Amino acid sequence: MRRVGIRCLCLLLLLAVLLPSGAVGEETMEAVYQCKITRNTQLREKPDMDSAYRGLVKEKESLLVYEWGEQFCLCGYGDATGYLPTDRLYEFRSLKGDPLPNFAPMGGLAVVTAETSARTEKYSGNTFQPGDRVALFDETGRLPMRRYETHLDTAAFTYVPFPDAASAQPGDVLYAYTTYYNDKIGGDLAKNRQYNIELACERTTGTVLQPGEEFSFNACCAPYNRDNGYVKAPNISVEGTGVAGGVCQVSTTIFNAVLGLPLQINEWEVHRASGVLYVPVNFDACVASWVDFRFVNTLDYPLLMEVLPQRGALTVIFSRAE
């Protein structure tokens, strides 16, 4: 009996040496997302801020997410594994093709047939004209508008649901996304912001991507200076304005349209942890001289990308090219 006890003790000691500092079985977990953290935060043993520490994660450092939750995420950082508050995590990147947390897919495209308008409590809204195309959640006219929801009058549009990308036919609209701005966004420089947006739309619309081909926003629209046609307008910076302000709304709208299809994103960054006001947090795409937005057409047929400003209803539409 004594020999058996000694053998068990030796086995336990061996396991203690061989196993990592995390819990048993953690080495077999697969990360679902990669993300960053807004400030220095301790990993916790349990999804509870009063539980034991498992290691310090430093501000803006990258970490892995094994399980996402509305309050806490099970994360890995270096050799440590534990829980972090979800509201301190940002810039989620999918590692296995899973939708990003809080991704709300559009269901179809509205083709406006009669003049109509929509607004929210926090935004004065937009007026739509016949022929405008707007992405909707569903046939009821429900749509996202600058972090809120509103509706289009169901009598003022026809609805075309998105088909499955695998069964789409040439000419079919595969997916679309719409963001909004108007002549009040940007204050005294609102017209300049609209001008920059429309210029970036002109430079990207009509792009056809063959299977395996990469799209680079900067290749189409950079450099972001006066020599390239841009003007000073409000932007996300310390100063609050800069040449080409507003262009990131175009890259952001394209990014959200890409998320609705099985495409491969090669480069992407958010502006900041709090995001921008025209899309939900974590769903913006910053572009500048130091960062691009790039993705690859991983479908087995060519894609047509339309980028339509439509007087402030900025819609990006992906179709199967003819």
Protein backbone atom coordinates (compact mmCIF):
# COMPACT_ATOMS: atom_id res chain seq x y z
CA MET A 1 0.00 0.00 0.00
CA ARG A 2 2.88 2.31 0.80
CA ARG A 3 4.39 1.72 -2.67
CA VAL A 4 1.07 2.54 -4.32
CA GLY A 5 0.84 5.78 -2.35
CA ILE A 6 4.36 6.78 -3.34
CA ARG A 7 3.61 6.01 -7.00
CA CYS A 8 0.45 8.16 -6.93
CA LEU A 9 2.36 11.00 -5.32
CA CYS A 10 5.06 10.78 -8.00
CA LEU A 11 2.41 10.78 -10.72
CA LEU A 12 0.76 13.88 -9.27
CA LEU A 13 4.10 15.67 -9.05
CA LEU A 14 4.85 14.75 -12.67
CA LEU A 15 1.48 16.10 -13.82
CA ALA A 16 2.07 19.31 -11.91
CA VAL A 17 5.34 19.79 -13.80
CA LEU A 18 3.95 18.90 -17.22
CA LEU A 19 0.63 20.74 -17.11
CA PRO A 20 0.49 24.49 -17.85
CA SER A 21 -0.44 27.02 -15.18
CA GLY A 22 -4.05 27.18 -16.47
CA ALA A 23 -6.75 24.69 -15.62
CA VAL A 24 -6.59 21.07 -16.81
CA GLY A 25 -7.85 20.80 -20.39
CA GLU A 26 -7.21 24.44 -21.35
CA GLU A 27 -4.42 23.42 -23.71
CA THR A 28 -7.01 21.75 -25.97
CA MET A 29 -9.24 24.84 -26.33
CA GLU A 30 -9.43 26.60 -29.68
CA ALA A 31 -9.62 30.37 -29.82
CA VAL A 32 -12.67 31.80 -31.58
CA TYR A 33 -11.59 35.45 -31.68
CA GLN A 34 -8.58 37.68 -31.26
CA CYS A 35 -9.15 41.10 -29.71
CA LYS A 36 -7.60 43.96 -27.71
CA ILE A 37 -8.32 45.40 -24.28
CA THR A 38 -9.01 49.02 -23.37
CA ARG A 39 -6.95 49.18 -20.17
CA ASN A 40 -4.80 47.11 -17.83
CA THR A 41 -7.04 44.39 -16.40
CA GLN A 42 -6.49 41.26 -14.34
CA LEU A 43 -7.58 37.93 -15.73
CA ARG A 44 -9.93 36.31 -13.22
CA GLU A 45 -10.28 32.67 -12.27
CA LYS A 46 -14.07 32.91 -12.61
CA PRO A 47 -16.48 35.26 -14.42
CA ASP A 48 -16.49 37.47 -11.35
CA MET A 49 -14.35 40.55 -10.69
CA ASP A 50 -13.89 39.43 -7.07
CA SER A 51 -12.40 36.04 -8.00
CA ALA A 52 -8.68 35.21 -7.88
CA TYR A 53 -6.17 36.75 -10.28
CA ARG A 54 -4.74 34.67 -13.13
CA GLY A 55 -2.48 37.30 -14.70
CA LEU A 56 -2.39 40.92 -15.85
CA VAL A 57 -3.37 41.88 -19.42
CA LYS A 58 -1.89 45.20 -20.48
CA GLU A 59 -3.77 48.00 -22.21
CA LYS A 60 -4.18 47.62 -26.00
CA GLU A 61 -2.48 44.22 -25.97
CA SER A 62 -3.82 41.45 -28.19
CA LEU A 63 -5.34 38.36 -26.59
CA LEU A 64 -7.36 35.29 -27.54
CA VAL A 65 -11.02 34.67 -26.79
CA TYR A 66 -12.09 31.05 -26.24
CA GLU A 67 -15.66 31.76 -25.17
CA TRP A 68 -17.59 35.00 -25.66
CA GLY A 69 -20.27 36.12 -23.21
CA GLU A 70 -22.29 39.29 -22.76
CA GLN A 71 -20.68 40.00 -19.36
CA PHE A 72 -17.40 38.05 -19.42
CA CYS A 73 -15.20 36.31 -21.98
CA LEU A 74 -12.90 33.35 -21.33
CA CYS A 75 -9.57 34.59 -22.67
CA GLY A 76 -5.94 33.61 -23.04
CA TYR A 77 -2.98 35.94 -22.68
CA GLY A 78 0.53 34.53 -22.80
CA ASP A 79 0.51 31.37 -20.66
CA ALA A 80 -2.45 32.50 -18.56
CA THR A 81 -6.14 31.81 -19.08
CA GLY A 82 -9.07 33.42 -17.32
CA TYR A 83 -12.07 35.71 -17.56
CA LEU A 84 -12.18 39.36 -18.63
CA PRO A 85 -15.11 41.82 -18.71
CA THR A 86 -16.59 41.90 -22.20
CA ASP A 87 -17.07 45.67 -22.12
CA ARG A 88 -13.28 46.15 -21.91
CA LEU A 89 -12.61 44.17 -25.10
CA TYR A 90 -12.66 45.58 -28.61
CA GLU A 91 -11.58 44.99 -32.22
CA PHE A 92 -12.70 41.39 -32.34
CA ARG A 93 -11.27 39.36 -35.22
CA SER A 94 -12.79 36.03 -36.18
CA LEU A 95 -10.29 33.15 -36.23
CA LYS A 96 -12.62 30.35 -37.34
CA GLY A 97 -15.10 32.15 -39.57
CA ASP A 98 -17.63 32.78 -36.79
CA PRO A 99 -19.64 36.04 -37.02
CA LEU A 100 -18.23 38.87 -34.91
CA PRO A 101 -19.93 39.34 -31.52
CA ASN A 102 -23.16 41.36 -31.84
CA PHE A 103 -23.14 41.05 -35.63
CA ALA A 104 -26.70 41.78 -36.84
CA PRO A 105 -27.06 40.60 -40.46
CA MET A 106 -29.13 42.40 -43.03
CA GLY A 107 -31.87 40.34 -44.64
CA GLY A 108 -32.43 42.08 -47.95
CA LEU A 109 -32.39 45.19 -50.08
CA ALA A 110 -35.14 47.80 -50.32
CA VAL A 111 -35.59 49.51 -53.67
CA VAL A 112 -37.40 52.77 -52.93
CA THR A 113 -40.49 53.37 -55.09
CA ALA A 114 -41.86 56.60 -53.60
CA GLU A 115 -40.33 59.52 -51.72
CA THR A 116 -40.16 58.74 -48.02
CA SER A 117 -38.05 59.57 -44.98
CA ALA A 118 -36.75 57.96 -41.81
CA ARG A 119 -35.20 59.34 -38.63
CA THR A 120 -34.41 58.36 -35.07
CA GLU A 121 -34.67 60.08 -31.71
CA LYS A 122 -30.96 61.00 -31.88
CA TYR A 123 -30.64 61.70 -35.63
CA SER A 124 -32.65 64.06 -37.84
CA GLY A 125 -32.77 61.47 -40.60
CA ASN A 126 -32.71 61.13 -44.37
CA THR A 127 -35.13 61.50 -47.25
CA PHE A 128 -35.14 58.73 -49.84
CA GLN A 129 -36.02 59.09 -53.51
CA PRO A 130 -37.35 56.50 -55.98
CA GLY A 131 -34.52 54.27 -57.11
CA ASP A 132 -32.51 54.55 -53.90
CA ARG A 133 -31.36 51.22 -52.50
CA VAL A 134 -31.13 50.61 -48.75
CA ALA A 135 -30.20 47.52 -46.72
CA LEU A 136 -32.89 46.28 -44.33
CA PHE A 137 -33.10 43.73 -41.54
CA ASP A 138 -36.32 42.32 -43.01
CA GLU A 139 -39.36 43.01 -45.18
CA THR A 140 -41.02 45.09 -42.42
CA GLY A 141 -38.70 47.98 -43.31
CA ARG A 142 -36.65 47.73 -40.11
CA LEU A 143 -33.16 49.17 -40.51
CA PRO A 144 -30.16 50.33 -38.45
CA MET A 145 -29.55 54.08 -38.49
CA ARG A 146 -26.56 55.52 -36.61
CA ARG A 147 -26.64 53.00 -33.71
CA TYR A 148 -30.42 53.04 -33.47
CA GLU A 149 -33.27 51.33 -35.30
CA THR A 150 -36.06 52.83 -37.37
CA HIS A 151 -38.35 51.85 -40.23
CA LEU A 152 -39.05 52.65 -43.84
CA ASP A 153 -42.69 52.95 -44.85
CA THR A 154 -43.56 49.54 -46.29
CA ALA A 155 -45.64 51.23 -48.99
CA ALA A 156 -42.57 53.08 -50.28
CA PHE A 157 -40.27 50.22 -51.31
CA THR A 158 -40.02 46.77 -52.81
CA TYR A 159 -38.03 44.17 -50.91
CA VAL A 160 -35.48 41.74 -52.37
CA PRO A 161 -34.14 39.16 -49.88
CA PHE A 162 -30.50 38.14 -50.15
CA PRO A 163 -29.89 34.67 -51.60
CA ASP A 164 -27.40 32.17 -50.26
CA ALA A 165 -24.02 33.05 -51.81
CA ALA A 166 -23.44 29.42 -52.87
CA SER A 167 -26.60 29.32 -55.00
CA ALA A 168 -26.57 32.89 -56.35
CA GLN A 169 -26.94 33.48 -60.07
CA PRO A 170 -25.16 36.13 -62.16
CA GLY A 171 -26.71 39.52 -61.42
CA ASP A 172 -28.07 38.52 -58.00
CA VAL A 173 -27.51 40.95 -55.13
CA LEU A 174 -25.67 38.92 -52.49
CA TYR A 175 -25.47 41.38 -49.60
CA ALA A 176 -25.60 45.09 -48.80
CA TYR A 177 -25.12 47.49 -45.94
CA THR A 178 -26.15 51.13 -45.48
CA THR A 179 -24.81 53.87 -43.22
CA TYR A 180 -26.21 57.39 -42.96
CA TYR A 181 -25.14 61.03 -42.90
CA ASN A 182 -26.84 64.33 -43.77
CA ASP A 183 -26.12 68.04 -44.10
CA LYS A 184 -25.99 68.44 -40.31
CA ILE A 185 -23.23 65.86 -39.76
CA GLY A 186 -20.03 67.86 -39.62
CA GLY A 187 -21.42 71.26 -38.68
CA ASP A 188 -19.88 74.08 -40.72
CA LEU A 189 -17.79 71.53 -42.63
CA ALA A 190 -20.67 69.15 -43.43
CA LYS A 191 -20.47 69.90 -47.16
CA ASN A 192 -16.76 69.14 -47.16
CA ARG A 193 -17.38 65.82 -45.41
CA GLN A 194 -20.04 64.92 -47.98
CA TYR A 195 -17.66 65.85 -50.78
CA ASN A 196 -14.94 63.54 -49.44
CA ILE A 197 -17.42 60.69 -49.02
CA GLU A 198 -18.72 61.07 -52.57
CA LEU A 199 -15.18 61.22 -53.96
CA ALA A 200 -14.24 57.96 -52.19
CA CYS A 201 -17.48 56.37 -53.44
CA GLU A 202 -16.63 57.39 -57.00
CA ARG A 203 -13.18 55.82 -56.65
CA THR A 204 -14.41 52.47 -55.34
CA THR A 205 -17.79 51.84 -57.01
CA GLY A 206 -17.84 49.49 -59.97
CA THR A 207 -14.94 47.41 -58.66
CA VAL A 208 -15.03 43.83 -59.94
CA LEU A 209 -13.06 41.29 -57.91
CA GLN A 210 -12.17 38.00 -59.54
CA PRO A 211 -11.93 34.84 -57.40
CA GLY A 212 -8.81 35.11 -55.24
CA GLU A 213 -8.33 38.84 -55.97
CA GLU A 214 -7.69 41.27 -53.13
CA PHE A 215 -9.35 44.66 -52.69
CA SER A 216 -7.32 47.44 -51.06
CA PHE A 217 -9.16 50.60 -50.04
CA ASN A 218 -5.94 52.60 -49.99
CA ALA A 219 -5.03 51.45 -53.48
CA CYS A 220 -8.27 53.07 -54.67
CA CYS A 221 -8.47 56.14 -52.45
CA ALA A 222 -5.09 57.06 -50.92
CA PRO A 223 -3.17 59.28 -50.42
CA TYR A 224 -5.50 61.28 -48.20
CA ASN A 225 -4.26 64.75 -49.02
CA ARG A 226 -5.25 67.85 -50.99
CA ASP A 227 -3.20 66.81 -54.01
CA ASN A 228 -5.48 63.79 -54.33
CA GLY A 229 -8.60 65.95 -54.31
CA TYR A 230 -9.69 65.79 -50.67
CA VAL A 231 -10.66 68.74 -48.49
CA LYS A 232 -10.62 69.46 -44.76
CA ALA A 233 -13.55 68.01 -42.81
CA PRO A 234 -14.42 66.53 -39.39
CA ASN A 235 -12.62 63.28 -38.54
CA ILE A 236 -11.60 61.07 -35.61
CA SER A 237 -8.47 62.81 -34.38
CA VAL A 238 -7.21 64.96 -31.53
CA GLU A 239 -7.82 68.07 -33.63
CA GLY A 240 -11.27 66.90 -34.73
CA THR A 241 -10.71 67.82 -38.38
CA GLY A 242 -8.35 66.83 -41.14
CA VAL A 243 -7.99 66.53 -44.89
CA ALA A 244 -10.18 63.65 -46.20
CA GLY A 245 -12.41 63.58 -43.13
CA GLY A 246 -15.42 61.37 -43.83
CA VAL A 247 -13.64 58.87 -46.08
CA CYS A 248 -13.64 56.29 -43.27
CA GLN A 249 -17.43 56.12 -43.44
CA VAL A 250 -16.97 54.64 -46.90
CA SER A 251 -14.41 52.06 -45.74
CA THR A 252 -16.61 51.26 -42.74
CA THR A 253 -19.69 50.68 -44.90
CA ILE A 254 -17.71 48.39 -47.21
CA PHE A 255 -16.39 46.51 -44.16
CA ASN A 256 -19.90 45.86 -42.88
CA ALA A 257 -21.00 44.66 -46.32
CA VAL A 258 -18.01 42.30 -46.43
CA LEU A 259 -19.04 40.81 -43.07
CA GLY A 260 -22.23 39.48 -44.62
CA LEU A 261 -20.33 37.28 -47.08
CA PRO A 262 -17.75 34.48 -46.70
CA LEU A 263 -14.86 36.74 -47.68
CA GLN A 264 -11.39 36.88 -46.14
CA ILE A 265 -10.36 40.09 -44.36
CA ASN A 266 -6.58 40.59 -44.52
CA GLU A 267 -6.21 43.98 -42.85
CA TRP A 268 -8.55 45.97 -40.65
CA GLU A 269 -8.45 48.22 -37.58
CA VAL A 270 -11.06 50.16 -35.64
CA HIS A 271 -10.60 53.89 -35.03
CA ARG A 272 -10.77 53.54 -31.24
CA ALA A 273 -12.39 51.35 -28.59
CA SER A 274 -15.52 53.53 -28.48
CA GLY A 275 -15.94 53.34 -32.26
CA VAL A 276 -17.77 55.87 -34.45
CA LEU A 277 -21.37 57.04 -34.24
CA TYR A 278 -22.60 55.76 -37.60
CA VAL A 279 -22.14 52.03 -36.80
CA PRO A 280 -22.15 49.90 -33.62
CA VAL A 281 -18.97 49.65 -31.53
CA ASN A 282 -16.33 47.32 -33.09
CA PHE A 283 -17.82 47.62 -36.58
CA ASP A 284 -15.86 50.58 -37.98
CA ALA A 285 -12.88 50.37 -40.34
CA CYS A 286 -10.19 53.03 -40.12
CA VAL A 287 -8.08 53.94 -43.14
CA ALA A 288 -5.05 56.23 -43.22
CA SER A 289 -1.49 56.33 -44.50
CA TRP A 290 -0.55 53.78 -41.82
CA VAL A 291 -3.52 51.40 -42.04
CA ASP A 292 -5.52 49.90 -44.90
CA PHE A 293 -8.72 47.91 -45.23
CA ARG A 294 -8.10 44.84 -47.41
CA PHE A 295 -10.14 41.75 -48.19
CA VAL A 296 -10.07 38.87 -50.68
CA ASN A 297 -12.85 37.42 -52.83
CA THR A 298 -12.86 33.80 -51.65
CA LEU A 299 -15.97 32.90 -53.68
CA ASP A 300 -15.61 30.92 -56.90
CA TYR A 301 -17.14 33.66 -59.05
CA PRO A 302 -16.43 37.38 -59.60
CA LEU A 303 -17.97 40.04 -57.35
CA LEU A 304 -19.25 43.47 -58.37
CA MET A 305 -19.09 46.14 -55.65
CA GLU A 306 -21.29 49.23 -55.92
CA VAL A 307 -20.71 52.14 -53.51
CA LEU A 308 -23.63 54.58 -53.65
CA PRO A 309 -23.79 57.82 -51.62
CA GLN A 310 -27.49 58.55 -52.49
CA ARG A 311 -27.71 61.94 -50.71
CA GLY A 312 -26.59 60.47 -47.40
CA ALA A 313 -27.90 56.91 -47.59
CA LEU A 314 -24.51 55.35 -48.27
CA THR A 315 -25.12 51.81 -49.50
CA VAL A 316 -22.52 49.23 -50.49
CA ILE A 317 -23.90 46.39 -52.60
CA PHE A 318 -22.13 43.16 -53.53
CA SER A 319 -23.54 41.25 -56.51
CA ARG A 320 -22.46 38.23 -58.44
CA ALA A 321 -20.88 39.76 -61.54
CA GLU A 322 -22.36 38.85 -64.91
